Amino acid sequence: MMLVITYAKELQRRETEFDIFINDRHLTVQPTDGFNETSRFYTVNYVIPPEIYEDKSHVTVKFQAHPQGRVRRIFGIRMVNKNVYTNVKS
């Protein structure tokens, strides 16, 4: 599975340091691509380790800002099957 987040470009450069948690587990993987702020919206893909979602009927995604930081502006979020999404995207 993959978490696909569409961010809105930051209009003002402020500190945007945050963590992502899925079912209260820190998502420590780096994005597979993204953080390209050349357009108004940009998509970042995070591969989710199977142990986080296996045997679950639903998951909870939480964004938590670091002290004195904030979460990037989010436009959309979805969880997709990595293999299907990769094929569709290509």
C-alpha atoms as a PDB file:
ATOM      1  CA  MET A   1       0.000   0.000   0.000  1.00  0.00           C
ATOM      2  CA  MET A   2       1.018   3.570  -0.499  1.00  0.00           C
ATOM      3  CA  LEU A   3      -0.061   6.830   1.114  1.00  0.00           C
ATOM      4  CA  VAL A   4      -0.482   9.479  -1.581  1.00  0.00           C
ATOM      5  CA  ILE A   5      -0.629  13.049  -0.277  1.00  0.00           C
ATOM      6  CA  THR A   6      -1.260  16.100  -2.414  1.00  0.00           C
ATOM      7  CA  TYR A   7       0.193  19.217  -0.826  1.00  0.00           C
ATOM      8  CA  ALA A   8      -0.571  22.820  -1.696  1.00  0.00           C
ATOM      9  CA  LYS A   9       2.439  25.005  -2.441  1.00  0.00           C
ATOM     10  CA  GLU A  10       3.507  27.140   0.484  1.00  0.00           C
ATOM     11  CA  LEU A  11       2.832  30.801  -0.159  1.00  0.00           C
ATOM     12  CA  GLN A  12       4.952  31.890   2.771  1.00  0.00           C
ATOM     13  CA  ARG A  13       8.152  30.100   3.698  1.00  0.00           C
ATOM     14  CA  ARG A  14       7.581  28.985   7.257  1.00  0.00           C
ATOM     15  CA  GLU A  15       9.032  25.992   9.040  1.00  0.00           C
ATOM     16  CA  THR A  16       7.115  22.877   7.978  1.00  0.00           C
ATOM     17  CA  GLU A  17       8.510  20.042  10.041  1.00  0.00           C
ATOM     18  CA  PHE A  18       6.121  17.255  10.911  1.00  0.00           C
ATOM     19  CA  ASP A  19       5.714  13.523  11.385  1.00  0.00           C
ATOM     20  CA  ILE A  20       3.128  11.184   9.918  1.00  0.00           C
ATOM     21  CA  PHE A  21       1.618   8.402  12.026  1.00  0.00           C
ATOM     22  CA  ILE A  22      -0.528   5.515  10.807  1.00  0.00           C
ATOM     23  CA  ASN A  23      -2.398   3.670  13.559  1.00  0.00           C
ATOM     24  CA  ASP A  24      -0.130   5.443  16.079  1.00  0.00           C
ATOM     25  CA  ARG A  25       3.014   4.071  14.409  1.00  0.00           C
ATOM     26  CA  HIS A  26       5.530   6.576  13.105  1.00  0.00           C
ATOM     27  CA  LEU A  27       5.854   6.401   9.330  1.00  0.00           C
ATOM     28  CA  THR A  28       9.624   6.503   9.032  1.00  0.00           C
ATOM     29  CA  VAL A  29       9.888   5.841   5.303  1.00  0.00           C
ATOM     30  CA  GLN A  30      11.057   8.599   3.028  1.00  0.00           C
ATOM     31  CA  PRO A  31       8.765   9.674   0.196  1.00  0.00           C
ATOM     32  CA  THR A  32       9.351   7.854  -3.083  1.00  0.00           C
ATOM     33  CA  ASP A  33       8.989  11.105  -5.029  1.00  0.00           C
ATOM     34  CA  GLY A  34       7.533  14.564  -4.695  1.00  0.00           C
ATOM     35  CA  PHE A  35       8.178  17.758  -2.749  1.00  0.00           C
ATOM     36  CA  ASN A  36       8.520  19.558  -6.058  1.00  0.00           C
ATOM     37  CA  GLU A  37       6.985  22.959  -5.424  1.00  0.00           C
ATOM     38  CA  THR A  38       7.168  24.120  -9.038  1.00  0.00           C
ATOM     39  CA  SER A  39       3.378  23.929  -9.415  1.00  0.00           C
ATOM     40  CA  ARG A  40       0.517  24.986  -7.162  1.00  0.00           C
ATOM     41  CA  PHE A  41      -0.153  21.395  -6.052  1.00  0.00           C
ATOM     42  CA  TYR A  42       2.259  18.493  -5.871  1.00  0.00           C
ATOM     43  CA  THR A  43       1.914  14.865  -4.876  1.00  0.00           C
ATOM     44  CA  VAL A  44       4.210  12.901  -2.572  1.00  0.00           C
ATOM     45  CA  ASN A  45       4.088   9.094  -2.328  1.00  0.00           C
ATOM     46  CA  TYR A  46       4.959   7.186   0.849  1.00  0.00           C
ATOM     47  CA  VAL A  47       5.250   3.388   0.706  1.00  0.00           C
ATOM     48  CA  ILE A  48       3.625   1.902   3.812  1.00  0.00           C
ATOM     49  CA  PRO A  49       5.198  -1.168   5.429  1.00  0.00           C
ATOM     50  CA  PRO A  50       2.712  -4.090   5.393  1.00  0.00           C
ATOM     51  CA  GLU A  51       2.876  -4.654   9.148  1.00  0.00           C
ATOM     52  CA  ILE A  52       1.131  -1.304   9.677  1.00  0.00           C
ATOM     53  CA  TYR A  53      -2.025  -2.203   7.722  1.00  0.00           C
ATOM     54  CA  GLU A  54      -2.159  -6.015   7.586  1.00  0.00           C
ATOM     55  CA  ASP A  55      -5.297  -7.540   9.133  1.00  0.00           C
ATOM     56  CA  LYS A  56      -6.881  -4.088   9.520  1.00  0.00           C
ATOM     57  CA  SER A  57     -10.262  -3.018   8.154  1.00  0.00           C
ATOM     58  CA  HIS A  58      -9.306   0.677   8.429  1.00  0.00           C
ATOM     59  CA  VAL A  59      -6.360   2.858   9.430  1.00  0.00           C
ATOM     60  CA  THR A  60      -5.991   6.248  11.096  1.00  0.00           C
ATOM     61  CA  VAL A  61      -3.530   8.758   9.641  1.00  0.00           C
ATOM     62  CA  LYS A  62      -2.292  11.553  11.913  1.00  0.00           C
ATOM     63  CA  PHE A  63      -0.021  14.505  11.142  1.00  0.00           C
ATOM     64  CA  GLN A  64       1.893  16.003  14.060  1.00  0.00           C
ATOM     65  CA  ALA A  65       3.950  19.174  13.814  1.00  0.00           C
ATOM     66  CA  HIS A  66       7.337  19.418  15.515  1.00  0.00           C
ATOM     67  CA  PRO A  67       7.749  22.079  18.217  1.00  0.00           C
ATOM     68  CA  GLN A  68       7.787  25.528  16.590  1.00  0.00           C
ATOM     69  CA  GLY A  69       6.946  23.859  13.275  1.00  0.00           C
ATOM     70  CA  ARG A  70       3.776  23.172  11.374  1.00  0.00           C
ATOM     71  CA  VAL A  71       2.304  20.657   8.963  1.00  0.00           C
ATOM     72  CA  ARG A  72       2.455  21.426   5.257  1.00  0.00           C
ATOM     73  CA  ARG A  73      -0.820  22.528   3.655  1.00  0.00           C
ATOM     74  CA  ILE A  74      -2.632  19.354   2.589  1.00  0.00           C
ATOM     75  CA  PHE A  75      -5.008  19.376  -0.357  1.00  0.00           C
ATOM     76  CA  GLY A  76      -5.793  15.657  -0.553  1.00  0.00           C
ATOM     77  CA  ILE A  77      -4.853  12.298   0.902  1.00  0.00           C
ATOM     78  CA  ARG A  78      -5.543   8.736  -0.208  1.00  0.00           C
ATOM     79  CA  MET A  79      -4.307   5.235   0.387  1.00  0.00           C
ATOM     80  CA  VAL A  80      -3.828   3.132  -2.736  1.00  0.00           C
ATOM     81  CA  ASN A  81      -2.559  -0.261  -3.795  1.00  0.00           C
ATOM     82  CA  LYS A  82       1.050   0.500  -4.736  1.00  0.00           C
ATOM     83  CA  ASN A  83       1.160  -1.867  -7.729  1.00  0.00           C
ATOM     84  CA  VAL A  84      -2.109  -0.650  -9.247  1.00  0.00           C
ATOM     85  CA  TYR A  85      -1.324   3.026  -8.637  1.00  0.00           C
ATOM     86  CA  THR A  86       2.157   2.708 -10.148  1.00  0.00           C
ATOM     87  CA  ASN A  87       0.720   1.088 -13.272  1.00  0.00           C
ATOM     88  CA  VAL A  88      -1.993   3.709 -13.657  1.00  0.00           C
ATOM     89  CA  LYS A  89       0.473   6.542 -13.069  1.00  0.00           C
ATOM     90  CA  SER A  90       2.946   5.292 -15.716  1.00  0.00           C
END
